[in-house]
Protein backbone atom coordinates (compact mmCIF):
# COMPACT_ATOMS: atom_id res chain seq x y z
CA MET A 1 9.84 -0.76 -20.06
CA THR A 2 11.51 2.35 -21.43
CA ASN A 3 11.91 5.74 -19.95
CA ALA A 4 12.96 7.26 -23.21
CA LYS A 5 12.05 10.90 -23.83
CA PRO A 6 10.14 11.31 -27.12
CA PRO A 7 10.48 14.44 -29.34
CA HIS A 8 7.31 16.12 -27.72
CA GLY A 9 8.99 16.05 -24.41
CA GLY A 10 6.79 13.46 -22.65
CA LEU A 11 7.62 10.05 -21.40
CA VAL A 12 7.19 6.65 -23.19
CA THR A 13 6.37 3.50 -21.26
CA ASN A 14 5.72 0.01 -22.53
CA GLU A 15 1.96 0.82 -21.97
CA MET A 16 1.31 4.38 -23.43
CA PRO A 17 3.14 7.61 -23.86
CA ILE A 18 2.62 10.26 -21.16
CA PRO A 19 2.80 13.72 -22.92
CA VAL A 20 4.15 16.69 -20.91
CA ARG A 21 0.63 18.07 -20.96
CA GLY A 22 -2.45 15.89 -20.99
CA GLU A 23 -5.68 14.78 -19.34
CA ALA A 24 -7.50 11.53 -18.46
CA ALA A 25 -11.08 10.81 -17.41
CA CYS A 26 -10.98 8.81 -14.18
CA PRO A 27 -14.68 7.78 -13.40
CA THR A 28 -13.78 5.22 -10.84
CA PRO A 29 -11.18 4.86 -8.10
CA GLU A 30 -9.79 2.00 -10.09
CA ALA A 31 -9.32 4.14 -13.09
CA THR A 32 -7.52 6.72 -10.86
CA GLN A 33 -5.29 4.03 -9.49
CA ALA A 34 -4.58 2.81 -13.03
CA LEU A 35 -3.45 6.41 -14.08
CA GLY A 36 -1.20 6.41 -10.96
CA ALA A 37 0.29 3.18 -12.09
CA ARG A 38 0.96 4.50 -15.61
CA PHE A 39 2.79 7.50 -14.11
CA ALA A 40 4.86 5.22 -11.93
CA HIS A 41 6.07 3.23 -14.81
CA ALA A 42 7.02 6.44 -16.78
CA VAL A 43 8.50 8.86 -14.28
CA ASP A 44 12.17 8.64 -13.12
CA SER A 45 13.18 8.14 -9.54
CA GLY A 46 13.55 11.50 -7.78
CA ALA A 47 10.48 12.96 -9.57
CA VAL A 48 8.19 15.33 -7.74
CA LEU A 49 4.45 15.12 -8.40
CA SER A 50 2.17 17.83 -7.07
CA LEU A 51 -1.36 16.44 -6.70
CA GLU A 52 -3.88 19.24 -6.61
CA GLY A 53 -7.68 19.30 -6.28
CA PRO A 54 -10.60 19.20 -3.81
CA LEU A 55 -11.23 16.74 -1.10
CA GLY A 56 -12.33 13.43 -2.39
CA ALA A 57 -11.09 14.01 -6.04
CA GLY A 58 -8.81 10.97 -6.11
CA LYS A 59 -5.42 12.17 -5.10
CA THR A 60 -4.84 9.34 -2.55
CA GLN A 61 -6.23 6.80 -5.13
CA PHE A 62 -3.61 7.97 -7.62
CA VAL A 63 -0.91 7.44 -5.03
CA LYS A 64 -2.30 3.98 -4.24
CA GLY A 65 -1.93 2.90 -7.81
CA PHE A 66 1.46 4.64 -8.11
CA ALA A 67 3.00 2.90 -5.09
CA ALA A 68 1.45 -0.48 -5.92
CA ALA A 69 2.84 -0.28 -9.50
CA LEU A 70 6.40 0.21 -8.15
CA GLY A 71 6.02 -2.82 -5.78
CA CYS A 72 5.87 -0.93 -2.46
CA ALA A 73 5.18 -3.27 0.40
CA ALA A 74 2.47 -1.23 2.18
CA GLU A 75 -0.72 -0.12 0.63
CA ALA A 76 -0.83 3.74 0.49
CA SER A 77 -3.19 5.74 2.51
CA SER A 78 -3.88 9.41 3.13
CA PRO A 79 -1.18 11.03 5.35
CA THR A 80 -3.57 13.91 6.32
CA PHE A 81 -2.82 13.54 10.05
CA THR A 82 0.76 12.09 9.88
CA LEU A 83 1.72 14.57 7.09
CA VAL A 84 4.35 12.17 5.52
CA HIS A 85 4.12 8.47 4.67
CA GLU A 86 7.19 6.57 3.41
CA TYR A 87 6.64 3.51 1.30
CA ALA A 88 9.51 1.23 0.72
CA GLY A 89 10.24 -2.13 -0.88
CA GLY A 90 9.55 -1.16 -4.42
CA ARG A 91 11.67 -0.24 -7.42
CA THR A 92 12.12 3.19 -5.70
CA PRO A 93 11.08 4.57 -2.37
CA VAL A 94 7.88 6.75 -2.52
CA ILE A 95 7.38 9.67 -0.13
CA HIS A 96 3.82 10.69 0.19
CA PHE A 97 3.06 14.20 1.68
CA ASP A 98 -0.23 15.79 2.55
CA TRP A 99 0.17 19.65 2.94
CA TYR A 100 -3.54 20.25 3.57
CA ARG A 101 -3.12 21.04 7.36
CA LEU A 102 0.13 23.04 6.95
CA ASP A 103 0.09 26.88 7.39
CA GLY A 104 3.13 27.94 5.62
CA ALA A 105 6.17 26.95 3.65
CA GLU A 106 8.26 26.93 6.84
CA GLU A 107 6.28 23.93 8.03
CA VAL A 108 7.05 22.20 4.83
CA ALA A 109 10.74 22.84 5.56
CA GLY A 110 10.22 21.52 8.97
CA LEU A 111 9.10 18.13 7.50
CA GLY A 112 12.60 17.85 5.96
CA TRP A 113 11.47 18.82 2.48
CA GLU A 114 14.98 19.87 1.30
CA ASP A 115 16.48 16.52 2.54
CA TYR A 116 13.78 14.57 0.69
CA LEU A 117 14.34 16.56 -2.54
CA ALA A 118 18.16 15.71 -2.25
CA GLY A 119 17.50 12.15 -1.42
CA GLY A 120 16.34 10.78 -4.80
CA GLU A 121 13.05 9.28 -3.76
CA THR A 122 9.97 9.86 -5.74
CA LEU A 123 7.90 12.47 -4.01
CA LEU A 124 4.07 12.71 -4.35
CA VAL A 125 2.61 15.83 -2.64
CA GLU A 126 -1.20 16.12 -1.96
CA TRP A 127 -2.15 19.79 -1.84
CA GLY A 128 1.20 20.88 -3.46
CA ASP A 129 -0.53 23.94 -4.83
CA ARG A 130 -0.74 25.38 -1.27
CA PHE A 131 3.06 26.08 -1.34
CA PRO A 132 4.09 26.21 -5.01
CA GLU A 133 7.10 28.11 -4.29
CA VAL A 134 8.77 25.10 -2.80
CA ILE A 135 7.79 22.73 -5.77
CA PRO A 136 10.99 22.49 -7.96
CA SER A 137 10.94 23.18 -11.60
CA GLY A 138 10.47 20.09 -13.74
CA ALA A 139 7.91 18.74 -11.32
CA TRP A 140 4.65 17.16 -12.61
CA ARG A 141 1.53 19.18 -11.67
CA LEU A 142 -1.61 17.09 -11.68
CA ARG A 143 -4.99 18.76 -11.17
CA PHE A 144 -7.84 16.48 -9.96
CA GLU A 145 -11.31 17.85 -10.94
CA ILE A 146 -14.81 16.79 -9.94
CA ASN A 147 -17.70 17.94 -12.15
CA GLY A 148 -20.98 16.22 -11.00
CA ASP A 149 -20.30 12.50 -11.27
CA ALA A 150 -17.41 13.02 -13.78
CA ARG A 151 -13.81 13.07 -12.68
CA MET A 152 -10.95 14.35 -14.70
CA VAL A 153 -7.18 14.57 -14.05
CA ARG A 154 -5.13 17.17 -16.10
CA TRP A 155 -1.51 17.28 -15.92
CA GLU A 156 1.64 19.15 -17.10
CA ARG A 157 5.34 19.08 -16.51
CA THR A 158 6.62 22.37 -15.22
CA ALA A 159 9.49 24.10 -16.80
């Protein structure tokens, strides 16, 4: 596996390149998990991914695929009520946040956000669009969309 940066600014894996801006149809939970796995093999440790979209759009399925692809010991689940799940035992620790129930950026800070950013773990944030001011530049922004039975994930790497 390589994590080389191609000329267009995306990432290259041994599977398929991930451009800095793209989209993928994810008609099933398995397809969404596969996209998560693809990102897991491409992003560097310490990456921040903001997962945005309505309830039931596939954000947690993406995290399941991401964590499993890194070899994390526990299966990922939604941290809606616990706010943070930490998955160890893989190539890099994965920290999974859910900001749906938070009321302000000060509550994000209260979770130890700055410490996590400095810690080098890979951070996946469901509902990251609620507090975009604390998402660092260079983060990946993934928008999960539902249109009838169709599901789409669109992403871009922020500047």
